[in-house]
Amino acid sequence: MNRRTSRLVTGLALAGMLVIIAVVFIINSYP
């Protein structure tokens, strides 16, 4: 795996974590 793909995978992992956290906060905000 070269440097570009590893950076892309890292970016996707961080974006996925942020999306999951946002979804959890949205679900918890509902009564």
PDB file of N, CA and C in Angstrom:
ATOM      1  N   MET A   1       0.862  -1.190   0.000  1.00  0.00           N
ATOM      2  CA  MET A   1       0.000   0.000   0.000  1.00  0.00           C
ATOM      3  C   MET A   1       0.903   1.247   0.000  1.00  0.00           C
ATOM      4  N   ASN A   2       0.678   2.122  -0.949  1.00  0.00           N
ATOM      5  CA  ASN A   2       1.543   3.297  -0.997  1.00  0.00           C
ATOM      6  C   ASN A   2       1.000   4.412  -0.105  1.00  0.00           C
ATOM      7  N   ARG A   3       1.677   5.550  -0.104  1.00  0.00           N
ATOM      8  CA  ARG A   3       1.350   6.591   0.871  1.00  0.00           C
ATOM      9  C   ARG A   3      -0.006   7.216   0.575  1.00  0.00           C
ATOM     10  N   ARG A   4      -0.346   7.380  -0.708  1.00  0.00           N
ATOM     11  CA  ARG A   4      -1.602   8.057  -1.043  1.00  0.00           C
ATOM     12  C   ARG A   4      -2.794   7.237  -0.576  1.00  0.00           C
ATOM     13  N   THR A   5      -2.788   5.929  -0.832  1.00  0.00           N
ATOM     14  CA  THR A   5      -3.934   5.102  -0.434  1.00  0.00           C
ATOM     15  C   THR A   5      -4.028   5.020   1.082  1.00  0.00           C
ATOM     16  N   SER A   6      -2.899   4.958   1.775  1.00  0.00           N
ATOM     17  CA  SER A   6      -2.945   4.885   3.239  1.00  0.00           C
ATOM     18  C   SER A   6      -3.543   6.171   3.801  1.00  0.00           C
ATOM     19  N   ARG A   7      -3.182   7.314   3.190  1.00  0.00           N
ATOM     20  CA  ARG A   7      -3.755   8.578   3.652  1.00  0.00           C
ATOM     21  C   ARG A   7      -5.246   8.626   3.350  1.00  0.00           C
ATOM     22  N   LEU A   8      -5.652   8.099   2.201  1.00  0.00           N
ATOM     23  CA  LEU A   8      -7.071   8.078   1.845  1.00  0.00           C
ATOM     24  C   LEU A   8      -7.841   7.210   2.826  1.00  0.00           C
ATOM     25  N   VAL A   9      -7.278   6.040   3.158  1.00  0.00           N
ATOM     26  CA  VAL A   9      -7.948   5.142   4.111  1.00  0.00           C
ATOM     27  C   VAL A   9      -8.050   5.818   5.479  1.00  0.00           C
ATOM     28  N   THR A  10      -6.995   6.525   5.880  1.00  0.00           N
ATOM     29  CA  THR A  10      -7.038   7.220   7.172  1.00  0.00           C
ATOM     30  C   THR A  10      -8.108   8.300   7.163  1.00  0.00           C
ATOM     31  N   GLY A  11      -8.205   9.041   6.067  1.00  0.00           N
ATOM     32  CA  GLY A  11      -9.229  10.083   5.959  1.00  0.00           C
ATOM     33  C   GLY A  11     -10.626   9.489   6.001  1.00  0.00           C
ATOM     34  N   LEU A  12     -10.818   8.368   5.300  1.00  0.00           N
ATOM     35  CA  LEU A  12     -12.134   7.726   5.308  1.00  0.00           C
ATOM     36  C   LEU A  12     -12.473   7.218   6.700  1.00  0.00           C
ATOM     37  N   ALA A  13     -11.493   6.687   7.408  1.00  0.00           N
ATOM     38  CA  ALA A  13     -11.745   6.180   8.763  1.00  0.00           C
ATOM     39  C   ALA A  13     -12.139   7.326   9.695  1.00  0.00           C
ATOM     40  N   LEU A  14     -11.426   8.457   9.605  1.00  0.00           N
ATOM     41  CA  LEU A  14     -11.768   9.603  10.455  1.00  0.00           C
ATOM     42  C   LEU A  14     -13.142  10.143  10.099  1.00  0.00           C
ATOM     43  N   ALA A  15     -13.453  10.243   8.801  1.00  0.00           N
ATOM     44  CA  ALA A  15     -14.768  10.735   8.381  1.00  0.00           C
ATOM     45  C   ALA A  15     -15.858   9.795   8.866  1.00  0.00           C
ATOM     46  N   GLY A  16     -15.614   8.487   8.769  1.00  0.00           N
ATOM     47  CA  GLY A  16     -16.604   7.510   9.223  1.00  0.00           C
ATOM     48  C   GLY A  16     -16.853   7.628  10.715  1.00  0.00           C
ATOM     49  N   MET A  17     -15.780   7.824  11.487  1.00  0.00           N
ATOM     50  CA  MET A  17     -15.954   7.978  12.933  1.00  0.00           C
ATOM     51  C   MET A  17     -16.766   9.226  13.245  1.00  0.00           C
ATOM     52  N   LEU A  18     -16.483  10.330  12.539  1.00  0.00           N
ATOM     53  CA  LEU A  18     -17.237  11.566  12.781  1.00  0.00           C
ATOM     54  C   LEU A  18     -18.700  11.384  12.421  1.00  0.00           C
ATOM     55  N   VAL A  19     -18.979  10.681  11.314  1.00  0.00           N
ATOM     56  CA  VAL A  19     -20.368  10.447  10.906  1.00  0.00           C
ATOM     57  C   VAL A  19     -21.081   9.599  11.952  1.00  0.00           C
ATOM     58  N   ILE A  20     -20.412   8.552  12.443  1.00  0.00           N
ATOM     59  CA  ILE A  20     -21.041   7.676  13.447  1.00  0.00           C
ATOM     60  C   ILE A  20     -21.331   8.474  14.724  1.00  0.00           C
ATOM     61  N   ILE A  21     -20.369   9.303  15.154  1.00  0.00           N
ATOM     62  CA  ILE A  21     -20.581  10.110  16.364  1.00  0.00           C
ATOM     63  C   ILE A  21     -21.740  11.077  16.151  1.00  0.00           C
ATOM     64  N   ALA A  22     -21.816  11.705  14.972  1.00  0.00           N
ATOM     65  CA  ALA A  22     -22.906  12.644  14.693  1.00  0.00           C
ATOM     66  C   ALA A  22     -24.246  11.926  14.718  1.00  0.00           C
ATOM     67  N   VAL A  23     -24.319  10.734  14.126  1.00  0.00           N
ATOM     68  CA  VAL A  23     -25.569   9.970  14.114  1.00  0.00           C
ATOM     69  C   VAL A  23     -25.974   9.611  15.539  1.00  0.00           C
ATOM     70  N   VAL A  24     -25.006   9.218  16.370  1.00  0.00           N
ATOM     71  CA  VAL A  24     -25.318   8.869  17.764  1.00  0.00           C
ATOM     72  C   VAL A  24     -25.862  10.091  18.501  1.00  0.00           C
ATOM     73  N   PHE A  25     -25.247  11.262  18.289  1.00  0.00           N
ATOM     74  CA  PHE A  25     -25.739  12.471  18.959  1.00  0.00           C
ATOM     75  C   PHE A  25     -27.148  12.813  18.484  1.00  0.00           C
ATOM     76  N   ILE A  26     -27.418  12.671  17.174  1.00  0.00           N
ATOM     77  CA  ILE A  26     -28.750  12.973  16.639  1.00  0.00           C
ATOM     78  C   ILE A  26     -29.781  12.020  17.234  1.00  0.00           C
ATOM     79  N   ILE A  27     -29.448  10.743  17.314  1.00  0.00           N
ATOM     80  CA  ILE A  27     -30.394   9.764  17.871  1.00  0.00           C
ATOM     81  C   ILE A  27     -30.638  10.071  19.349  1.00  0.00           C
ATOM     82  N   ASN A  28     -29.582  10.423  20.082  1.00  0.00           N
ATOM     83  CA  ASN A  28     -29.744  10.709  21.510  1.00  0.00           C
ATOM     84  C   ASN A  28     -30.502  12.011  21.743  1.00  0.00           C
ATOM     85  N   SER A  29     -30.504  12.926  20.775  1.00  0.00           N
ATOM     86  CA  SER A  29     -31.189  14.207  20.973  1.00  0.00           C
ATOM     87  C   SER A  29     -32.704  14.041  20.878  1.00  0.00           C
ATOM     88  N   TYR A  30     -33.160  12.971  20.224  1.00  0.00           N
ATOM     89  CA  TYR A  30     -34.599  12.744  20.157  1.00  0.00           C
ATOM     90  C   TYR A  30     -35.104  12.249  21.506  1.00  0.00           C
ATOM     91  N   PRO A  31     -36.328  12.646  21.898  1.00  0.00           N
ATOM     92  CA  PRO A  31     -36.874  12.228  23.194  1.00  0.00           C
ATOM     93  C   PRO A  31     -37.211  10.745  23.219  1.00  0.00           C
TER      94      PRO A  31
END
